[in-house]
Protein backbone atom coordinates (compact mmCIF):
# COMPACT_ATOMS: atom_id res chain seq x y z
CA MET A 1 151.72 136.98 105.27
CA GLU A 2 148.52 138.27 106.88
CA LEU A 3 146.46 135.66 108.66
CA GLU A 4 142.77 135.77 109.51
CA TYR A 5 142.06 133.91 112.73
CA THR A 6 139.68 133.28 115.61
CA VAL A 7 140.49 132.42 119.24
CA TRP A 8 138.17 130.02 121.07
CA ASP A 9 137.80 129.01 124.73
CA PRO A 10 136.81 125.36 125.11
CA THR A 11 137.11 124.75 128.89
CA LYS A 12 140.03 127.27 128.94
CA ASN A 13 142.00 125.14 126.44
CA ILE A 14 142.56 128.32 124.43
CA THR A 15 142.58 127.41 120.74
CA LEU A 16 143.53 129.58 117.80
CA LEU A 17 142.00 128.66 114.44
CA VAL A 18 143.60 130.04 111.25
CA SER A 19 141.18 130.48 108.35
CA THR A 20 143.73 131.87 105.86
CA PRO A 21 145.17 129.03 103.71
CA VAL A 22 148.61 127.92 104.95
CA GLU A 23 150.58 125.20 103.20
CA ARG A 24 150.82 121.99 105.27
CA GLY A 25 154.60 122.12 105.28
CA ALA A 26 154.52 125.59 106.90
CA GLN A 27 151.80 124.93 109.47
CA ALA A 28 153.96 123.67 112.32
CA GLU A 29 156.32 126.70 112.13
CA THR A 30 153.37 129.06 111.75
CA ALA A 31 151.68 127.55 114.80
CA ALA A 32 154.86 127.76 116.90
CA ARG A 33 155.25 131.47 116.00
CA LEU A 34 151.63 132.23 116.79
CA MET A 35 151.89 130.47 120.16
CA ALA A 36 155.12 132.28 120.99
CA ALA A 37 153.41 135.63 120.31
CA ARG A 38 150.31 134.69 122.30
CA PRO A 39 151.25 132.83 125.50
CA GLN A 40 147.61 132.22 126.39
CA VAL A 41 147.11 130.05 123.28
CA GLU A 42 147.59 126.34 123.98
CA GLN A 43 147.11 124.96 120.47
CA VAL A 44 146.60 126.01 116.83
CA GLY A 45 144.46 124.52 114.09
CA PHE A 46 144.06 125.37 110.42
CA LEU A 47 140.69 125.50 108.66
CA GLU A 48 140.78 124.01 105.17
CA PRO A 49 138.22 122.94 102.54
CA ALA A 50 136.97 119.41 103.17
CA ALA A 51 137.75 116.60 100.75
CA ALA A 52 135.63 113.88 102.38
CA PRO A 53 132.07 113.57 101.00
CA GLY A 54 129.54 115.06 103.40
CA ALA A 55 132.05 117.11 105.45
CA GLU A 56 131.54 120.86 105.53
CA LEU A 57 135.03 121.84 106.67
CA ARG A 58 138.43 120.33 107.47
CA LEU A 59 140.36 121.01 110.65
CA GLN A 60 144.08 120.33 110.38
CA MET A 61 145.84 120.50 113.75
CA MET A 62 149.32 121.95 114.07
CA GLY A 63 150.99 118.58 114.48
CA GLY A 64 148.51 116.47 112.48
CA GLU A 65 147.01 115.24 115.72
CA PHE A 66 143.34 114.93 116.64
CA CYS A 67 141.78 117.33 119.14
CA GLY A 68 138.24 117.15 120.44
CA ASN A 69 138.17 120.68 121.90
CA ALA A 70 139.48 122.19 118.64
CA SER A 71 136.93 120.12 116.68
CA MET A 72 134.12 121.55 118.83
CA SER A 73 135.49 125.06 118.28
CA ALA A 74 135.83 124.60 114.50
CA ALA A 75 132.24 123.36 114.34
CA ALA A 76 131.09 126.37 116.37
CA GLU A 77 132.99 128.72 114.01
CA LEU A 78 131.20 127.19 111.04
CA ALA A 79 127.83 127.41 112.85
CA GLN A 80 128.41 131.08 113.68
CA ARG A 81 129.34 131.83 110.06
CA THR A 82 126.05 130.34 108.86
CA GLY A 83 124.00 131.89 111.67
CA GLY A 84 122.28 128.65 112.60
CA GLY A 85 120.93 127.38 115.92
CA ALA A 86 121.24 123.85 117.23
CA ARG A 87 122.65 121.55 114.58
CA THR A 88 125.04 118.70 113.86
CA VAL A 89 128.18 119.75 112.00
CA PRO A 90 130.05 117.14 109.89
CA LEU A 91 133.81 117.77 109.91
CA GLU A 92 136.92 116.25 108.43
CA VAL A 93 139.65 116.36 111.13
CA SER A 94 143.33 115.37 111.17
CA GLY A 95 143.85 112.12 113.04
CA TYR A 96 140.24 111.01 112.47
CA PRO A 97 139.26 108.58 109.70
CA GLY A 98 136.03 109.53 107.93
CA VAL A 99 133.65 112.31 108.88
CA LEU A 100 133.33 113.51 112.50
CA SER A 101 129.96 114.60 113.92
CA VAL A 102 129.76 117.50 116.35
CA ARG A 103 126.36 118.23 117.92
CA LEU A 104 126.00 121.88 118.90
CA SER A 105 123.45 123.87 120.90
CA PRO A 106 123.70 127.68 121.38
CA ARG A 107 123.98 128.95 124.93
CA THR A 108 122.27 132.06 126.30
CA ASP A 109 125.72 133.52 127.08
CA GLY A 110 126.71 133.41 123.40
CA GLY A 111 128.78 130.26 123.63
CA TRP A 112 128.00 126.72 122.53
CA ASP A 113 127.43 123.36 124.21
CA GLY A 114 128.92 120.59 122.11
CA THR A 115 129.22 116.81 121.96
CA VAL A 116 132.00 115.39 119.83
CA ALA A 117 132.07 111.80 118.56
CA MET A 118 135.67 110.95 119.30
CA PRO A 119 137.94 108.59 117.36
CA LEU A 120 138.15 105.10 118.85
CA PRO A 121 141.45 104.17 120.48
CA ARG A 122 143.78 101.95 118.48
CA THR A 123 144.92 100.32 121.72
CA VAL A 124 144.21 100.48 125.43
CA GLY A 125 147.34 99.12 127.06
CA THR A 126 150.36 100.28 129.05
CA ALA A 127 153.53 102.27 128.51
CA GLU A 128 156.73 102.84 130.44
CA VAL A 129 156.91 106.50 131.56
CA PRO A 130 160.34 107.74 132.77
CA GLY A 131 160.19 108.14 136.52
CA ALA A 132 156.66 106.71 136.84
CA GLY A 133 157.08 103.12 135.68
CA ARG A 134 154.49 101.23 133.66
CA VAL A 135 151.12 103.00 133.55
CA PRO A 136 147.88 102.75 131.50
CA ALA A 137 148.22 104.17 127.99
CA VAL A 138 145.53 104.88 125.42
CA THR A 139 146.69 105.32 121.83
CA PHE A 140 144.67 107.17 119.23
CA ASN A 141 145.79 108.02 115.69
CA GLY A 142 148.34 110.76 116.21
CA ILE A 143 148.42 110.90 120.03
CA THR A 144 149.07 108.57 122.96
CA HIS A 145 147.88 109.54 126.46
CA CYS A 146 149.62 107.99 129.47
CA ILE A 147 147.52 107.99 132.65
CA VAL A 148 149.85 108.53 135.61
CA PRO A 149 148.46 108.34 139.14
CA ALA A 150 148.64 111.80 140.73
CA GLY A 151 151.56 112.03 143.10
CA ARG A 152 153.77 109.58 141.17
CA LEU A 153 155.28 112.44 139.15
CA THR A 154 155.72 116.12 139.93
CA ARG A 155 155.04 118.63 137.18
CA PRO A 156 158.77 119.23 136.54
CA GLN A 157 159.31 115.45 136.36
CA ALA A 158 156.46 115.12 133.88
CA GLU A 159 157.91 117.93 131.76
CA ALA A 160 161.28 116.17 131.71
CA ALA A 161 159.66 112.83 130.81
CA VAL A 162 157.23 113.80 128.04
CA ARG A 163 159.73 114.39 125.19
CA PRO A 164 161.67 111.13 125.60
CA LEU A 165 158.35 109.32 126.13
CA CYS A 166 157.00 110.67 122.85
CA ALA A 167 160.16 109.64 121.02
CA ALA A 168 160.12 106.16 122.53
CA LEU A 169 156.47 105.67 121.55
CA GLY A 170 157.03 107.04 118.04
CA ALA A 171 153.95 109.23 118.43
CA ASP A 172 153.13 112.53 116.72
CA ALA A 173 151.92 113.83 120.09
CA CYS A 174 151.93 112.51 123.61
CA GLY A 175 150.04 113.35 126.78
CA ILE A 176 150.93 112.72 130.42
CA LEU A 177 147.73 112.93 132.47
CA LEU A 178 148.34 113.28 136.21
CA TYR A 179 145.12 111.56 137.25
CA ASP A 180 143.55 111.75 140.71
CA GLU A 181 140.90 109.04 140.40
CA PRO A 182 139.23 109.54 143.82
CA ALA A 183 138.83 113.26 143.10
CA GLY A 184 137.72 112.76 139.50
CA ALA A 185 140.32 115.21 138.23
CA PHE A 186 143.52 115.38 136.21
CA ALA A 187 146.19 117.79 134.98
CA PRO A 188 147.09 117.23 131.28
CA LEU A 189 150.56 117.87 129.81
CA VAL A 190 150.58 117.54 126.00
CA PHE A 191 153.69 117.49 123.82
CA VAL A 192 153.48 117.92 120.04
CA ALA A 193 156.59 116.64 118.28
CA SER A 194 156.44 118.71 115.09
CA THR A 195 156.23 122.04 116.94
CA GLY A 196 158.37 120.97 119.94
CA THR A 197 155.76 122.47 122.29
CA ALA A 198 154.87 121.00 125.68
CA VAL A 199 151.80 122.66 127.28
CA TRP A 200 149.98 122.11 130.55
CA GLU A 201 146.55 122.36 129.01
CA SER A 202 143.65 123.90 130.92
CA GLY A 203 141.29 121.31 129.43
CA CYS A 204 141.98 118.24 127.30
CA GLY A 205 139.16 116.55 125.42
CA SER A 206 141.17 113.64 124.04
CA GLY A 207 142.69 113.12 127.50
CA THR A 208 139.21 112.99 129.04
CA ALA A 209 138.18 110.46 126.40
CA ALA A 210 141.35 108.44 127.09
CA VAL A 211 140.48 108.16 130.78
CA ALA A 212 136.92 107.06 129.93
CA ALA A 213 138.25 104.42 127.51
CA PHE A 214 140.73 103.13 130.13
CA LEU A 215 138.01 102.90 132.81
CA ALA A 216 135.66 101.09 130.39
CA ALA A 217 138.39 98.62 129.42
CA ARG A 218 139.29 98.03 133.09
CA ALA A 219 135.66 97.42 134.06
CA GLY A 220 134.60 95.63 130.81
CA ALA A 221 131.53 97.87 130.80
CA ASP A 222 130.27 101.27 129.69
CA ARG A 223 131.67 104.19 131.65
CA THR A 224 130.71 107.89 131.89
CA VAL A 225 133.02 110.32 133.64
CA ARG A 226 133.05 114.03 134.47
CA LEU A 227 136.62 115.10 135.00
CA ARG A 228 137.69 118.33 136.59
CA GLN A 229 140.66 120.02 134.91
CA PRO A 230 142.30 123.37 135.58
CA GLY A 231 139.90 125.17 133.22
CA GLY A 232 136.69 123.38 134.20
CA THR A 233 134.90 120.06 133.69
CA ILE A 234 134.61 117.90 130.57
CA ALA A 235 132.40 114.80 130.39
CA ALA A 236 133.18 111.64 128.39
CA HIS A 237 131.22 108.48 127.65
CA ALA A 238 132.77 105.20 126.55
CA GLU A 239 130.63 102.29 125.33
CA TRP A 240 132.05 98.80 125.76
CA ALA A 241 130.95 95.99 123.43
CA GLY A 242 132.57 92.92 121.99
CA GLY A 243 135.63 93.22 124.23
CA ARG A 244 136.56 96.73 123.05
CA VAL A 245 135.60 100.39 123.21
CA ALA A 246 132.85 100.58 120.61
CA ALA A 247 131.91 104.28 120.88
CA LEU A 248 133.47 107.31 122.54
CA SER A 249 132.35 110.91 122.93
CA ILE A 250 133.07 114.06 124.95
CA THR A 251 130.71 116.82 125.99
CA GLY A 252 131.80 120.34 126.87
CA ARG A 253 131.41 123.95 125.86
CA THR A 254 133.21 126.55 123.81
CA ALA A 255 133.00 130.28 123.24
CA LEU A 256 134.49 132.80 120.78
CA VAL A 257 137.06 135.04 122.44
CA GLU A 258 138.56 137.01 119.55
CA ARG A 259 138.30 137.43 115.78
CA GLY A 260 141.05 139.26 113.96
CA ARG A 261 144.01 139.47 111.56
CA CYS A 262 147.71 139.49 112.19
CA ALA A 263 150.92 139.79 110.15
CA LEU A 264 153.35 136.91 110.45
């Protein structure tokens, strides 16, 4: 099979988007093979026709999870195809109920600034992480992020913990965020069960949103954060109302790195 694809750089969270139709049952294996052949790629998404009224495109992530950075990149791909300037792109995305809005503005360097309306967390609670004890955990549809204070786990310990943690939580995907709150920074490790891949991501949009949601729940008030990650900084805003997170968004940037075809 020959695949048409693009590679995007949202805060160095290198994302490959496949535009050639691939059956859902073959997507996880296809993504794993693409990532094995391209070590710089941290995640793969598949662009499909949208079924939801009002959506212009569907993004199906490799494990059926939701990803804010990939959503921003898919919206930018659609905007570049249509040659438009600043606009709001309505998307259908795996792990997100309804239609997702991505606000885009072109940058002078050829990239895009984007704000993604993130899915609301199902729960903001705690989870038991092997080796780290009970820590804050934010669960979205398809992925649970565990917020581990930096220094409580080493990177090898996190790598050993993430697979059994994901199995224990029964999640499609799981993140361990080594969070340094005083420094406003974290290192995100994300495991996707269907592909068996565990990646130290350079930038994690859903992880940034998870931290903002946790901080809002802890304070019982709106919170805005700018979190440094290995690839750069992503901002997130959580609105608190009625005893819960009522709105959640991330703001970052993305840029096209490569457009091509490959045989698989």
